[in-house]
C-alpha atoms as a PDB file:
ATOM      1  CA  MET A   1       0.000   0.000   0.000  1.00  0.00           C
ATOM      2  CA  THR A   2       1.551   3.270  -1.109  1.00  0.00           C
ATOM      3  CA  THR A   3       0.786   6.641   0.266  1.00  0.00           C
ATOM      4  CA  THR A   4       1.153   9.900  -1.546  1.00  0.00           C
ATOM      5  CA  PRO A   5       2.880  12.632   0.404  1.00  0.00           C
ATOM      6  CA  ALA A   6       0.714  15.542   1.391  1.00  0.00           C
ATOM      7  CA  ARG A   7       1.085  18.593  -0.701  1.00  0.00           C
ATOM      8  CA  ALA A   8       2.897  21.396   0.979  1.00  0.00           C
ATOM      9  CA  SER A   9       0.610  24.378   1.027  1.00  0.00           C
ATOM     10  CA  ALA A  10       2.201  27.201  -0.809  1.00  0.00           C
ATOM     11  CA  PRO A  11       2.079  30.593   0.894  1.00  0.00           C
ATOM     12  CA  PRO A  12      -0.531  32.830  -0.712  1.00  0.00           C
ATOM     13  CA  ASP A  13       0.709  35.517  -2.986  1.00  0.00           C
ATOM     14  CA  ALA A  14       0.739  38.720  -0.962  1.00  0.00           C
ATOM     15  CA  GLU A  15       0.401  40.815  -4.061  1.00  0.00           C
ATOM     16  CA  SER A  16      -2.730  38.962  -5.238  1.00  0.00           C
ATOM     17  CA  ARG A  17      -4.274  39.308  -1.778  1.00  0.00           C
ATOM     18  CA  THR A  18      -3.858  43.053  -1.641  1.00  0.00           C
ATOM     19  CA  THR A  19      -4.983  43.694  -5.201  1.00  0.00           C
ATOM     20  CA  GLY A  20      -8.661  43.823  -4.210  1.00  0.00           C
ATOM     21  CA  ARG A  21      -7.898  45.902  -1.135  1.00  0.00           C
ATOM     22  CA  ARG A  22      -6.189  48.772  -2.867  1.00  0.00           C
ATOM     23  CA  ARG A  23      -7.560  52.137  -1.983  1.00  0.00           C
ATOM     24  CA  ARG A  24      -9.557  53.796  -4.663  1.00  0.00           C
ATOM     25  CA  SER A  25      -8.000  56.944  -5.961  1.00  0.00           C
ATOM     26  CA  PRO A  26     -10.071  60.143  -6.274  1.00  0.00           C
ATOM     27  CA  ARG A  27     -10.104  59.685 -10.041  1.00  0.00           C
ATOM     28  CA  THR A  28     -11.446  56.140  -9.701  1.00  0.00           C
ATOM     29  CA  TRP A  29     -14.056  57.362  -7.211  1.00  0.00           C
ATOM     30  CA  VAL A  30     -15.240  60.049  -9.622  1.00  0.00           C
ATOM     31  CA  ARG A  31     -15.362  57.647 -12.543  1.00  0.00           C
ATOM     32  CA  GLY A  32     -17.359  55.194 -10.418  1.00  0.00           C
ATOM     33  CA  GLY A  33     -20.152  57.713  -9.927  1.00  0.00           C
ATOM     34  CA  GLY A  34     -19.034  59.139  -6.604  1.00  0.00           C
ATOM     35  CA  LEU A  35     -19.968  62.709  -7.528  1.00  0.00           C
ATOM     36  CA  THR A  36     -23.455  61.631  -8.588  1.00  0.00           C
ATOM     37  CA  THR A  37     -23.942  59.751  -5.322  1.00  0.00           C
ATOM     38  CA  LEU A  38     -22.752  62.753  -3.347  1.00  0.00           C
ATOM     39  CA  ALA A  39     -25.056  65.088  -5.288  1.00  0.00           C
ATOM     40  CA  PHE A  40     -28.085  62.937  -4.465  1.00  0.00           C
ATOM     41  CA  ALA A  41     -27.073  62.502  -0.810  1.00  0.00           C
ATOM     42  CA  LEU A  42     -26.155  66.145  -0.175  1.00  0.00           C
ATOM     43  CA  PRO A  43     -29.740  67.475   0.180  1.00  0.00           C
ATOM     44  CA  MET A  44     -30.566  64.744   2.695  1.00  0.00           C
ATOM     45  CA  ILE A  45     -27.363  65.452   4.626  1.00  0.00           C
ATOM     46  CA  LEU A  46     -28.130  69.181   4.726  1.00  0.00           C
ATOM     47  CA  ILE A  47     -31.723  68.593   5.864  1.00  0.00           C
ATOM     48  CA  PHE A  48     -30.614  66.238   8.640  1.00  0.00           C
ATOM     49  CA  THR A  49     -27.882  68.640   9.686  1.00  0.00           C
ATOM     50  CA  ILE A  50     -30.193  71.655   9.897  1.00  0.00           C
ATOM     51  CA  PHE A  51     -33.293  70.048  11.377  1.00  0.00           C
ATOM     52  CA  SER A  52     -31.905  67.100  13.377  1.00  0.00           C
ATOM     53  CA  TRP A  53     -28.218  67.108  14.211  1.00  0.00           C
ATOM     54  CA  TRP A  54     -27.802  70.854  14.781  1.00  0.00           C
ATOM     55  CA  PRO A  55     -30.731  71.069  17.264  1.00  0.00           C
ATOM     56  CA  ILE A  56     -29.206  68.135  19.148  1.00  0.00           C
ATOM     57  CA  VAL A  57     -25.866  69.921  19.383  1.00  0.00           C
ATOM     58  CA  ARG A  58     -27.611  73.156  20.443  1.00  0.00           C
ATOM     59  CA  SER A  59     -29.532  71.286  23.132  1.00  0.00           C
ATOM     60  CA  VAL A  60     -26.346  69.856  24.591  1.00  0.00           C
ATOM     61  CA  VAL A  61     -24.778  73.323  24.597  1.00  0.00           C
ATOM     62  CA  MET A  62     -27.865  74.946  26.163  1.00  0.00           C
ATOM     63  CA  SER A  63     -27.948  72.315  28.901  1.00  0.00           C
ATOM     64  CA  VAL A  64     -24.808  73.869  30.415  1.00  0.00           C
ATOM     65  CA  GLN A  65     -25.966  77.446  29.949  1.00  0.00           C
ATOM     66  CA  GLU A  66     -28.416  79.849  31.528  1.00  0.00           C
ATOM     67  CA  THR A  67     -30.276  81.609  28.754  1.00  0.00           C
ATOM     68  CA  ASN A  68     -33.609  83.176  27.875  1.00  0.00           C
ATOM     69  CA  LEU A  69     -32.893  82.901  24.113  1.00  0.00           C
ATOM     70  CA  ILE A  70     -32.597  86.719  23.915  1.00  0.00           C
ATOM     71  CA  ASP A  71     -29.711  87.880  26.105  1.00  0.00           C
ATOM     72  CA  PRO A  72     -26.225  86.383  25.748  1.00  0.00           C
ATOM     73  CA  PRO A  73     -26.089  82.985  27.476  1.00  0.00           C
ATOM     74  CA  THR A  74     -24.080  82.362  30.637  1.00  0.00           C
ATOM     75  CA  PHE A  75     -22.087  79.193  31.173  1.00  0.00           C
ATOM     76  CA  VAL A  76     -23.197  77.441  34.373  1.00  0.00           C
ATOM     77  CA  GLY A  77     -21.650  73.998  33.943  1.00  0.00           C
ATOM     78  CA  LEU A  78     -23.618  71.197  35.571  1.00  0.00           C
ATOM     79  CA  ASP A  79     -25.864  73.500  37.626  1.00  0.00           C
ATOM     80  CA  ASN A  80     -28.872  72.796  35.394  1.00  0.00           C
ATOM     81  CA  PHE A  81     -28.468  69.044  35.814  1.00  0.00           C
ATOM     82  CA  ILE A  82     -28.108  69.415  39.570  1.00  0.00           C
ATOM     83  CA  ALA A  83     -31.214  71.612  39.727  1.00  0.00           C
ATOM     84  CA  VAL A  84     -33.215  69.022  37.763  1.00  0.00           C
ATOM     85  CA  LEU A  85     -32.065  66.168  40.000  1.00  0.00           C
ATOM     86  CA  ASN A  86     -32.973  68.190  43.098  1.00  0.00           C
ATOM     87  CA  ASP A  87     -36.468  68.940  41.824  1.00  0.00           C
ATOM     88  CA  PRO A  88     -38.919  66.887  43.935  1.00  0.00           C
ATOM     89  CA  LEU A  89     -41.298  66.714  40.975  1.00  0.00           C
ATOM     90  CA  LEU A  90     -38.750  64.787  38.897  1.00  0.00           C
ATOM     91  CA  GLY A  91     -39.329  61.562  40.832  1.00  0.00           C
ATOM     92  CA  THR A  92     -43.084  61.918  40.393  1.00  0.00           C
ATOM     93  CA  ALA A  93     -42.678  62.483  36.656  1.00  0.00           C
ATOM     94  CA  VAL A  94     -40.405  59.463  36.259  1.00  0.00           C
ATOM     95  CA  VAL A  95     -42.751  57.189  38.222  1.00  0.00           C
ATOM     96  CA  ASN A  96     -45.758  58.420  36.226  1.00  0.00           C
ATOM     97  CA  THR A  97     -43.937  57.870  32.947  1.00  0.00           C
ATOM     98  CA  LEU A  98     -42.963  54.335  33.951  1.00  0.00           C
ATOM     99  CA  TYR A  99     -46.546  53.689  35.066  1.00  0.00           C
ATOM    100  CA  PHE A 100     -47.880  54.892  31.727  1.00  0.00           C
ATOM    101  CA  ALA A 101     -45.324  52.799  29.830  1.00  0.00           C
ATOM    102  CA  ALA A 102     -46.175  49.677  31.851  1.00  0.00           C
ATOM    103  CA  LEU A 103     -49.917  50.097  31.343  1.00  0.00           C
ATOM    104  CA  ALA A 104     -49.422  50.784  27.642  1.00  0.00           C
ATOM    105  CA  LEU A 105     -47.365  47.614  27.252  1.00  0.00           C
ATOM    106  CA  VAL A 106     -49.882  45.479  29.142  1.00  0.00           C
ATOM    107  CA  LEU A 107     -52.921  46.883  27.335  1.00  0.00           C
ATOM    108  CA  GLY A 108     -51.602  48.260  24.075  1.00  0.00           C
ATOM    109  CA  PHE A 109     -48.894  45.846  22.963  1.00  0.00           C
ATOM    110  CA  PRO A 110     -50.760  42.499  22.732  1.00  0.00           C
ATOM    111  CA  ILE A 111     -53.974  43.986  21.334  1.00  0.00           C
ATOM    112  CA  PRO A 112     -52.551  44.858  17.863  1.00  0.00           C
ATOM    113  CA  ILE A 113     -50.987  41.395  17.582  1.00  0.00           C
ATOM    114  CA  LEU A 114     -54.254  39.731  18.517  1.00  0.00           C
ATOM    115  CA  MET A 115     -56.248  41.916  16.137  1.00  0.00           C
ATOM    116  CA  ALA A 116     -53.830  41.271  13.275  1.00  0.00           C
ATOM    117  CA  VAL A 117     -53.982  37.502  13.786  1.00  0.00           C
ATOM    118  CA  LEU A 118     -57.779  37.541  13.873  1.00  0.00           C
ATOM    119  CA  MET A 119     -57.999  39.776  10.794  1.00  0.00           C
ATOM    120  CA  SER A 120     -55.594  37.528   8.905  1.00  0.00           C
ATOM    121  CA  GLU A 121     -58.027  34.646   9.411  1.00  0.00           C
ATOM    122  CA  VAL A 122     -60.924  36.589   7.879  1.00  0.00           C
ATOM    123  CA  ARG A 123     -61.808  35.310   4.428  1.00  0.00           C
ATOM    124  CA  ARG A 124     -63.912  38.236   3.222  1.00  0.00           C
ATOM    125  CA  GLY A 125     -63.773  41.976   3.779  1.00  0.00           C
ATOM    126  CA  LYS A 126     -60.175  41.989   5.003  1.00  0.00           C
ATOM    127  CA  GLY A 127     -59.564  45.360   3.334  1.00  0.00           C
ATOM    128  CA  ILE A 128     -62.551  46.926   5.099  1.00  0.00           C
ATOM    129  CA  TYR A 129     -61.388  45.682   8.483  1.00  0.00           C
ATOM    130  CA  SER A 130     -57.881  46.978   7.796  1.00  0.00           C
ATOM    131  CA  ALA A 131     -59.249  50.407   6.889  1.00  0.00           C
ATOM    132  CA  LEU A 132     -61.401  50.512  10.025  1.00  0.00           C
ATOM    133  CA  ALA A 133     -58.452  49.485  12.186  1.00  0.00           C
ATOM    134  CA  TYR A 134     -56.266  52.209  10.677  1.00  0.00           C
ATOM    135  CA  LEU A 135     -58.957  54.889  10.869  1.00  0.00           C
ATOM    136  CA  PRO A 136     -57.949  56.198  14.350  1.00  0.00           C
ATOM    137  CA  VAL A 137     -54.446  56.878  13.034  1.00  0.00           C
ATOM    138  CA  VAL A 138     -55.913  59.127  10.330  1.00  0.00           C
ATOM    139  CA  VAL A 139     -57.698  61.268  12.920  1.00  0.00           C
ATOM    140  CA  PRO A 140     -55.441  64.188  13.972  1.00  0.00           C
ATOM    141  CA  PRO A 141     -54.082  63.486  17.480  1.00  0.00           C
ATOM    142  CA  VAL A 142     -55.388  66.743  18.958  1.00  0.00           C
ATOM    143  CA  VAL A 143     -58.857  66.101  17.535  1.00  0.00           C
ATOM    144  CA  ALA A 144     -58.809  62.558  18.913  1.00  0.00           C
ATOM    145  CA  VAL A 145     -57.876  63.757  22.405  1.00  0.00           C
ATOM    146  CA  LEU A 146     -60.565  66.459  22.408  1.00  0.00           C
ATOM    147  CA  LEU A 147     -63.109  63.898  21.184  1.00  0.00           C
ATOM    148  CA  TRP A 148     -62.223  61.464  23.961  1.00  0.00           C
ATOM    149  CA  LYS A 149     -62.305  64.294  26.470  1.00  0.00           C
ATOM    150  CA  VAL A 150     -65.999  64.597  25.664  1.00  0.00           C
ATOM    151  CA  PHE A 151     -66.385  60.831  26.053  1.00  0.00           C
ATOM    152  CA  TYR A 152     -64.716  61.049  29.474  1.00  0.00           C
ATOM    153  CA  ASP A 153     -67.216  63.574  30.787  1.00  0.00           C
ATOM    154  CA  ALA A 154     -67.658  62.708  34.476  1.00  0.00           C
ATOM    155  CA  SER A 155     -71.318  63.731  34.576  1.00  0.00           C
ATOM    156  CA  PRO A 156     -74.037  61.064  34.322  1.00  0.00           C
ATOM    157  CA  ASN A 157     -74.736  62.331  30.803  1.00  0.00           C
ATOM    158  CA  GLY A 158     -71.204  61.612  29.603  1.00  0.00           C
ATOM    159  CA  VAL A 159     -70.856  59.090  26.796  1.00  0.00           C
ATOM    160  CA  PHE A 160     -69.001  56.416  28.757  1.00  0.00           C
ATOM    161  CA  ASN A 161     -70.964  57.037  31.948  1.00  0.00           C
ATOM    162  CA  THR A 162     -74.199  56.714  29.996  1.00  0.00           C
ATOM    163  CA  VAL A 163     -73.090  53.309  28.701  1.00  0.00           C
ATOM    164  CA  LEU A 164     -72.122  52.266  32.227  1.00  0.00           C
ATOM    165  CA  GLY A 165     -75.535  53.409  33.427  1.00  0.00           C
ATOM    166  CA  TRP A 166     -77.178  50.874  31.126  1.00  0.00           C
ATOM    167  CA  PHE A 167     -75.558  48.160  33.252  1.00  0.00           C
ATOM    168  CA  GLY A 168     -76.335  49.801  36.571  1.00  0.00           C
ATOM    169  CA  ILE A 169     -72.791  51.098  37.163  1.00  0.00           C
ATOM    170  CA  ALA A 170     -72.389  54.482  38.817  1.00  0.00           C
ATOM    171  CA  PRO A 171     -70.729  57.356  36.888  1.00  0.00           C
ATOM    172  CA  GLN A 172     -66.933  57.286  37.034  1.00  0.00           C
ATOM    173  CA  PRO A 173     -64.585  60.290  37.471  1.00  0.00           C
ATOM    174  CA  TRP A 174     -62.424  59.308  34.511  1.00  0.00           C
ATOM    175  CA  LEU A 175     -60.019  62.248  34.430  1.00  0.00           C
ATOM    176  CA  GLN A 176     -60.799  63.776  37.813  1.00  0.00           C
ATOM    177  CA  SER A 177     -59.546  60.858  39.915  1.00  0.00           C
ATOM    178  CA  PRO A 178     -55.785  60.398  40.510  1.00  0.00           C
ATOM    179  CA  ASP A 179     -56.293  56.631  40.350  1.00  0.00           C
ATOM    180  CA  MET A 180     -58.266  56.578  37.097  1.00  0.00           C
ATOM    181  CA  ALA A 181     -56.641  59.431  35.178  1.00  0.00           C
ATOM    182  CA  MET A 182     -53.583  57.535  33.945  1.00  0.00           C
ATOM    183  CA  PRO A 183     -55.464  54.366  32.854  1.00  0.00           C
ATOM    184  CA  SER A 184     -57.913  56.628  30.997  1.00  0.00           C
ATOM    185  CA  LEU A 185     -55.023  58.229  29.118  1.00  0.00           C
ATOM    186  CA  VAL A 186     -53.591  54.807  28.264  1.00  0.00           C
ATOM    187  CA  ILE A 187     -56.922  53.617  26.826  1.00  0.00           C
ATOM    188  CA  GLU A 188     -57.126  56.602  24.479  1.00  0.00           C
ATOM    189  CA  ALA A 189     -53.456  56.334  23.477  1.00  0.00           C
ATOM    190  CA  THR A 190     -53.900  52.622  22.720  1.00  0.00           C
ATOM    191  CA  TRP A 191     -56.957  53.323  20.567  1.00  0.00           C
ATOM    192  CA  ALA A 192     -55.106  56.060  18.676  1.00  0.00           C
ATOM    193  CA  ALA A 193     -51.906  54.120  17.954  1.00  0.00           C
ATOM    194  CA  ALA A 194     -53.027  50.508  17.577  1.00  0.00           C
ATOM    195  CA  GLY A 195     -54.013  50.886  13.915  1.00  0.00           C
ATOM    196  CA  GLY A 196     -50.482  51.478  12.682  1.00  0.00           C
ATOM    197  CA  SER A 197     -49.169  48.445  14.570  1.00  0.00           C
ATOM    198  CA  ILE A 198     -51.986  46.278  13.200  1.00  0.00           C
ATOM    199  CA  ILE A 199     -51.083  47.177   9.610  1.00  0.00           C
ATOM    200  CA  ILE A 200     -47.415  46.389  10.247  1.00  0.00           C
ATOM    201  CA  TYR A 201     -48.260  43.004  11.746  1.00  0.00           C
ATOM    202  CA  LEU A 202     -50.641  42.226   8.889  1.00  0.00           C
ATOM    203  CA  ALA A 203     -47.859  42.993   6.394  1.00  0.00           C
ATOM    204  CA  ALA A 204     -45.460  40.765   8.341  1.00  0.00           C
ATOM    205  CA  LEU A 205     -48.002  37.943   8.350  1.00  0.00           C
ATOM    206  CA  LEU A 206     -47.903  37.880   4.550  1.00  0.00           C
ATOM    207  CA  ALA A 207     -44.318  36.646   4.759  1.00  0.00           C
ATOM    208  CA  VAL A 208     -45.267  33.630   6.873  1.00  0.00           C
ATOM    209  CA  PRO A 209     -45.276  30.526   4.617  1.00  0.00           C
ATOM    210  CA  ALA A 210     -48.807  29.296   4.032  1.00  0.00           C
ATOM    211  CA  GLU A 211     -47.560  25.696   4.217  1.00  0.00           C
ATOM    212  CA  LEU A 212     -47.050  26.079   7.961  1.00  0.00           C
ATOM    213  CA  TYR A 213     -50.695  27.010   8.472  1.00  0.00           C
ATOM    214  CA  ASP A 214     -51.817  24.191   6.178  1.00  0.00           C
ATOM    215  CA  ALA A 215     -49.785  21.683   8.176  1.00  0.00           C
ATOM    216  CA  ALA A 216     -51.226  23.055  11.422  1.00  0.00           C
ATOM    217  CA  GLU A 217     -54.778  22.713  10.060  1.00  0.00           C
ATOM    218  CA  VAL A 218     -54.095  19.141   9.018  1.00  0.00           C
ATOM    219  CA  ASP A 219     -52.983  18.444  12.588  1.00  0.00           C
ATOM    220  CA  GLY A 220     -56.266  19.920  13.831  1.00  0.00           C
ATOM    221  CA  ALA A 221     -54.749  23.010  15.449  1.00  0.00           C
ATOM    222  CA  SER A 222     -57.148  25.736  16.502  1.00  0.00           C
ATOM    223  CA  ILE A 223     -56.616  29.393  15.641  1.00  0.00           C
ATOM    224  CA  TRP A 224     -55.029  30.014  19.031  1.00  0.00           C
ATOM    225  CA  ARG A 225     -52.572  27.118  18.644  1.00  0.00           C
ATOM    226  CA  LYS A 226     -51.669  28.304  15.154  1.00  0.00           C
ATOM    227  CA  ALA A 227     -51.061  31.776  16.520  1.00  0.00           C
ATOM    228  CA  TRP A 228     -48.886  30.469  19.349  1.00  0.00           C
ATOM    229  CA  HIS A 229     -46.880  27.817  17.490  1.00  0.00           C
ATOM    230  CA  VAL A 230     -46.722  29.330  13.981  1.00  0.00           C
ATOM    231  CA  THR A 231     -47.455  33.048  13.918  1.00  0.00           C
ATOM    232  CA  LEU A 232     -45.577  34.299  16.963  1.00  0.00           C
ATOM    233  CA  PRO A 233     -42.328  32.391  16.243  1.00  0.00           C
ATOM    234  CA  GLN A 234     -42.346  33.711  12.677  1.00  0.00           C
ATOM    235  CA  LEU A 235     -42.900  37.313  13.869  1.00  0.00           C
ATOM    236  CA  ARG A 236     -40.217  37.409  16.538  1.00  0.00           C
ATOM    237  CA  GLY A 237     -38.062  39.973  14.745  1.00  0.00           C
ATOM    238  CA  VAL A 238     -40.980  42.296  14.029  1.00  0.00           C
ATOM    239  CA  ILE A 239     -42.326  41.943  17.562  1.00  0.00           C
ATOM    240  CA  PHE A 240     -38.971  42.826  19.099  1.00  0.00           C
ATOM    241  CA  VAL A 241     -38.664  45.952  16.939  1.00  0.00           C
ATOM    242  CA  MET A 242     -42.237  47.030  17.646  1.00  0.00           C
ATOM    243  CA  LEU A 243     -41.687  46.515  21.366  1.00  0.00           C
ATOM    244  CA  ILE A 244     -38.714  48.873  21.568  1.00  0.00           C
ATOM    245  CA  LEU A 245     -40.529  51.420  19.417  1.00  0.00           C
ATOM    246  CA  GLN A 246     -43.485  51.351  21.790  1.00  0.00           C
ATOM    247  CA  ILE A 247     -41.205  51.662  24.821  1.00  0.00           C
ATOM    248  CA  LEU A 248     -39.527  54.719  23.286  1.00  0.00           C
ATOM    249  CA  ALA A 249     -42.882  56.244  22.350  1.00  0.00           C
ATOM    250  CA  THR A 250     -44.434  55.745  25.773  1.00  0.00           C
ATOM    251  CA  ALA A 251     -41.348  57.154  27.476  1.00  0.00           C
ATOM    252  CA  GLN A 252     -41.910  60.366  25.506  1.00  0.00           C
ATOM    253  CA  ILE A 253     -45.641  60.691  26.128  1.00  0.00           C
ATOM    254  CA  PHE A 254     -46.743  64.325  26.148  1.00  0.00           C
ATOM    255  CA  LEU A 255     -49.885  65.047  24.149  1.00  0.00           C
ATOM    256  CA  GLU A 256     -52.372  63.062  26.221  1.00  0.00           C
ATOM    257  CA  PRO A 257     -51.409  64.366  29.688  1.00  0.00           C
ATOM    258  CA  PHE A 258     -51.000  67.892  28.319  1.00  0.00           C
ATOM    259  CA  LEU A 259     -54.433  68.094  26.673  1.00  0.00           C
ATOM    260  CA  PHE A 260     -56.429  65.805  28.940  1.00  0.00           C
ATOM    261  CA  THR A 261     -55.347  66.825  32.433  1.00  0.00           C
ATOM    262  CA  GLY A 262     -52.430  69.260  32.205  1.00  0.00           C
ATOM    263  CA  GLY A 263     -50.557  66.944  34.566  1.00  0.00           C
ATOM    264  CA  GLY A 264     -53.313  66.738  37.161  1.00  0.00           C
ATOM    265  CA  PRO A 265     -55.116  65.839  39.219  1.00  0.00           C
ATOM    266  CA  ASN A 266     -52.548  66.400  41.961  1.00  0.00           C
ATOM    267  CA  ASN A 267     -49.666  65.768  39.510  1.00  0.00           C
ATOM    268  CA  ALA A 268     -50.938  62.228  38.903  1.00  0.00           C
ATOM    269  CA  THR A 269     -50.278  62.476  35.147  1.00  0.00           C
ATOM    270  CA  VAL A 270     -47.122  64.615  35.061  1.00  0.00           C
ATOM    271  CA  THR A 271     -44.652  62.905  32.722  1.00  0.00           C
ATOM    272  CA  VAL A 272     -41.032  63.645  31.939  1.00  0.00           C
ATOM    273  CA  LEU A 273     -41.823  65.460  28.693  1.00  0.00           C
ATOM    274  CA  LEU A 274     -44.568  67.464  30.382  1.00  0.00           C
ATOM    275  CA  LEU A 275     -42.070  68.456  33.060  1.00  0.00           C
ATOM    276  CA  ILE A 276     -39.675  69.602  30.323  1.00  0.00           C
ATOM    277  CA  TYR A 277     -42.479  71.713  28.890  1.00  0.00           C
ATOM    278  CA  ARG A 278     -43.129  73.234  32.298  1.00  0.00           C
ATOM    279  CA  TYR A 279     -39.472  74.112  32.742  1.00  0.00           C
ATOM    280  CA  ALA A 280     -39.366  75.849  29.382  1.00  0.00           C
ATOM    281  CA  PHE A 281     -42.748  77.584  29.167  1.00  0.00           C
ATOM    282  CA  GLN A 282     -44.540  77.557  32.525  1.00  0.00           C
ATOM    283  CA  ASN A 283     -41.847  78.774  34.888  1.00  0.00           C
ATOM    284  CA  SER A 284     -43.103  81.661  37.015  1.00  0.00           C
ATOM    285  CA  LEU A 285     -39.804  83.520  36.535  1.00  0.00           C
ATOM    286  CA  GLY A 286     -39.693  82.966  32.771  1.00  0.00           C
ATOM    287  CA  GLY A 287     -38.615  80.050  30.666  1.00  0.00           C
ATOM    288  CA  ASN A 288     -35.841  78.002  32.250  1.00  0.00           C
ATOM    289  CA  TYR A 289     -34.488  76.634  28.995  1.00  0.00           C
ATOM    290  CA  GLY A 290     -31.295  75.400  30.614  1.00  0.00           C
ATOM    291  CA  MET A 291     -33.137  73.014  32.928  1.00  0.00           C
ATOM    292  CA  ALA A 292     -35.479  71.986  30.114  1.00  0.00           C
ATOM    293  CA  THR A 293     -32.625  71.044  27.787  1.00  0.00           C
ATOM    294  CA  ALA A 294     -30.711  69.394  30.640  1.00  0.00           C
ATOM    295  CA  LEU A 295     -33.635  67.081  31.348  1.00  0.00           C
ATOM    296  CA  SER A 296     -34.031  66.498  27.590  1.00  0.00           C
ATOM    297  CA  VAL A 297     -30.395  65.437  27.315  1.00  0.00           C
ATOM    298  CA  MET A 298     -30.770  63.126  30.316  1.00  0.00           C
ATOM    299  CA  LEU A 299     -33.844  61.513  28.761  1.00  0.00           C
ATOM    300  CA  ALA A 300     -32.126  61.138  25.377  1.00  0.00           C
ATOM    301  CA  VAL A 301     -29.064  59.487  26.929  1.00  0.00           C
ATOM    302  CA  PHE A 302     -31.237  57.106  28.953  1.00  0.00           C
ATOM    303  CA  LEU A 303     -33.299  56.087  25.904  1.00  0.00           C
ATOM    304  CA  ALA A 304     -30.157  55.638  23.798  1.00  0.00           C
ATOM    305  CA  LEU A 305     -28.598  53.347  26.418  1.00  0.00           C
ATOM    306  CA  LEU A 306     -31.887  51.476  26.805  1.00  0.00           C
ATOM    307  CA  SER A 307     -32.125  50.932  23.041  1.00  0.00           C
ATOM    308  CA  TRP A 308     -28.521  49.748  22.854  1.00  0.00           C
ATOM    309  CA  ALA A 309     -28.989  47.283  25.712  1.00  0.00           C
ATOM    310  CA  TYR A 310     -32.308  46.077  24.296  1.00  0.00           C
ATOM    311  CA  PHE A 311     -30.906  45.314  20.838  1.00  0.00           C
ATOM    312  CA  ARG A 312     -27.861  43.638  22.371  1.00  0.00           C
ATOM    313  CA  LEU A 313     -30.126  41.346  24.386  1.00  0.00           C
ATOM    314  CA  THR A 314     -32.665  40.575  21.678  1.00  0.00           C
ATOM    315  CA  ASN A 315     -30.400  40.322  18.636  1.00  0.00           C
ATOM    316  CA  ARG A 316     -29.709  36.626  19.199  1.00  0.00           C
ATOM    317  CA  TRP A 317     -33.344  35.820  20.020  1.00  0.00           C
ATOM    318  CA  SER A 318     -34.743  37.551  16.943  1.00  0.00           C
ATOM    319  CA  THR A 319     -32.393  35.800  14.513  1.00  0.00           C
ATOM    320  CA  SER A 320     -32.282  32.312  16.026  1.00  0.00           C
END
């Protein structure tokens, strides 16, 4: 029995390896359409610089200044941050914001998924149901809040209290009670925002292979088992993205507490963004823009770190 000696592996040619890694010269970049790419990208870069990046830089600068936007600003260092941290209302605003976010996740996050799954099972009129689900998103947010404010009328003649009266339930102080004000805001916010999430989930459901549902039906699976064993595993990536988007949105809630209650009753609905608004525009001594931007920077840093940690934790789960 003869054996052939193993071939000695020849060292790779260094010149051939670096051929594809050569830096492109400016002339090559221009010939490859670099100027055209830059011309198309330049308007977008300018728009982002003027309306997004520059305000962010200005906010960071203003957070270490004392200014009324008219007189020359005065550098105060970290005094604005210290003043915000020493404000006793900050803790209330943070707790209220977390409470709103928790209620919105419990009530508002599973409802769009459930509605999308049910609508995907409808054989006829799916377009009509999709339009009806998206209709609240079309309503301007301010109009929607003012409409629901009428619904939340605490008198016995209010819309919701009238419906409760049909079942023998006493009128409820929807927005006047510290215990009921925040859940009332969450219900309206869920109604207003659920339509967009439903459409996104419906679009994601189109990518789920129909063979999986056919196999589940052959096995006699009910709609709930199909949703649990087929739909949800296939939508993991979309669900994870929608979850962080909802967390970021609820952490920046402003419109509902501002228009419904103004932060009341007894500061029960004061949120972080509403506190920023108060610093800037409702200070008795004039707008304290330094404290407002300091709290804005603190909120932005917290949300950025939260997003980074969230995607680090869920990246493996969403792709496995």
